[in-house]
Amino acid sequence: MNIFGYNSPEWAICFFGSIIHNNVVSGVYITNGPEACHYQAEHSEAEVIVVDTAEQLKLYMGLIDSLPMIKAVVAWGIDSVPAEYASDSRVYTYKAFLEIGKKVNDDEIT
């Protein structure tokens, strides 16, 4: 999981939730440009990207076609998925992503 954004409760929840479930977490500096974000996502073998702004979401959506391992891009600083990404099943608001998690039994998580 790559987490891109300012420190916040959502950042910490994503970080520690990932660690608890044996995922590798890679924090991304908010000053990183597209090339650095791509490099980090690719080399960390990230499957989930978490961002905090629509601008950061746009950055990763511009990279997503070259990152085939990405299963989800989650944004905590938006209330709804922007129209240009609404048809992409990999894009979630933080709230929607948490709702999906509620449906997964703990014994299914490895």
Protein backbone atom coordinates (compact mmCIF):
# COMPACT_ATOMS: atom_id res chain seq x y z
CA MET A 1 0.00 0.00 0.00
CA ASN A 2 1.26 3.46 -0.86
CA ILE A 3 -0.14 6.29 1.27
CA PHE A 4 0.11 9.77 -0.20
CA GLY A 5 -1.03 12.71 1.88
CA TYR A 6 -0.70 14.83 4.96
CA ASN A 7 -0.73 13.22 8.37
CA SER A 8 -4.27 12.68 9.57
CA PRO A 9 -6.33 10.06 11.40
CA GLU A 10 -7.14 8.45 8.03
CA TRP A 11 -3.43 8.20 7.19
CA ALA A 12 -2.71 6.50 10.50
CA ILE A 13 -5.71 4.16 10.19
CA CYS A 14 -4.62 3.08 6.71
CA PHE A 15 -1.01 2.65 7.82
CA PHE A 16 -1.67 0.63 10.96
CA GLY A 17 -4.56 -1.32 9.43
CA SER A 18 -2.26 -2.41 6.64
CA ILE A 19 0.52 -3.41 9.03
CA ILE A 20 -1.89 -5.42 11.19
CA HIS A 21 -2.91 -7.41 8.11
CA ASN A 22 0.69 -8.12 7.06
CA ASN A 23 0.81 -5.65 4.18
CA VAL A 24 3.86 -3.66 3.21
CA VAL A 25 3.25 0.07 3.57
CA SER A 26 5.15 2.77 1.76
CA GLY A 27 4.52 6.38 2.67
CA VAL A 28 4.82 8.80 -0.24
CA TYR A 29 6.03 12.37 0.18
CA ILE A 30 3.47 14.94 -0.91
CA THR A 31 6.26 16.65 -2.85
CA ASN A 32 6.87 13.58 -5.04
CA GLY A 33 6.16 14.08 -8.71
CA PRO A 34 4.56 11.55 -11.05
CA GLU A 35 7.83 9.74 -11.85
CA ALA A 36 8.68 9.24 -8.17
CA CYS A 37 5.13 8.10 -7.37
CA HIS A 38 5.20 5.62 -10.24
CA TYR A 39 8.61 4.29 -9.22
CA GLN A 40 7.55 3.83 -5.61
CA ALA A 41 4.24 2.14 -6.46
CA GLU A 42 5.88 -0.19 -8.96
CA HIS A 43 8.88 -1.16 -6.86
CA SER A 44 6.92 -1.58 -3.63
CA GLU A 45 4.49 -3.81 -5.56
CA ALA A 46 1.62 -1.74 -4.15
CA GLU A 47 -1.88 -3.05 -4.76
CA VAL A 48 -3.66 -0.16 -3.02
CA ILE A 49 -2.94 3.54 -3.27
CA VAL A 50 -4.40 5.87 -0.63
CA VAL A 51 -4.47 9.64 -1.21
CA ASP A 52 -6.03 12.60 0.53
CA THR A 53 -6.94 15.04 -2.25
CA ALA A 54 -8.60 15.08 -5.66
CA GLU A 55 -5.32 16.41 -7.08
CA GLN A 56 -3.40 13.40 -5.76
CA LEU A 57 -6.12 11.11 -7.08
CA LYS A 58 -5.70 12.68 -10.51
CA LEU A 59 -1.93 12.15 -10.33
CA TYR A 60 -2.30 8.41 -9.69
CA MET A 61 -5.12 7.99 -12.19
CA GLY A 62 -2.70 9.36 -14.78
CA LEU A 63 -0.31 6.54 -13.85
CA ILE A 64 -2.73 3.69 -13.27
CA ASP A 65 -2.56 2.19 -16.77
CA SER A 66 1.15 1.58 -16.24
CA LEU A 67 0.58 0.05 -12.79
CA PRO A 68 -1.42 -3.14 -13.53
CA MET A 69 -1.05 -4.47 -9.98
CA ILE A 70 -3.18 -1.66 -8.51
CA LYS A 71 -6.51 -3.01 -7.25
CA ALA A 72 -7.78 0.16 -5.55
CA VAL A 73 -7.17 3.88 -5.30
CA VAL A 74 -8.78 5.31 -2.19
CA ALA A 75 -9.20 9.02 -1.46
CA TRP A 76 -10.04 10.20 2.04
CA GLY A 77 -10.33 13.91 1.34
CA ILE A 78 -13.25 13.73 -1.09
CA ASP A 79 -16.95 13.08 -0.54
CA SER A 80 -17.58 11.44 -3.90
CA VAL A 81 -15.55 9.99 -6.73
CA PRO A 82 -15.04 12.63 -9.44
CA ALA A 83 -17.17 12.03 -12.55
CA GLU A 84 -14.16 11.30 -14.77
CA TYR A 85 -13.24 8.31 -12.56
CA ALA A 86 -16.73 7.14 -11.55
CA SER A 87 -16.75 4.30 -14.09
CA ASP A 88 -13.44 2.89 -12.82
CA SER A 89 -14.25 0.18 -10.30
CA ARG A 90 -10.84 0.61 -8.65
CA VAL A 91 -11.57 4.14 -7.36
CA TYR A 92 -13.17 4.60 -3.93
CA THR A 93 -13.85 7.26 -1.40
CA TYR A 94 -12.45 6.42 2.01
CA LYS A 95 -15.96 5.98 3.41
CA ALA A 96 -16.96 3.56 0.62
CA PHE A 97 -13.75 1.57 1.08
CA LEU A 98 -14.44 1.19 4.80
CA GLU A 99 -17.97 -0.05 4.00
CA ILE A 100 -16.49 -2.78 1.81
CA GLY A 101 -14.21 -3.77 4.66
CA LYS A 102 -17.15 -4.21 7.00
CA LYS A 103 -18.44 -7.00 4.77
CA VAL A 104 -15.25 -9.07 5.05
CA ASN A 105 -15.02 -11.59 7.87
CA ASP A 106 -11.85 -11.32 9.94
CA ASP A 107 -11.01 -14.98 9.29
CA GLU A 108 -10.87 -14.25 5.54
CA ILE A 109 -8.02 -11.76 5.96
CA THR A 110 -4.56 -13.24 5.73
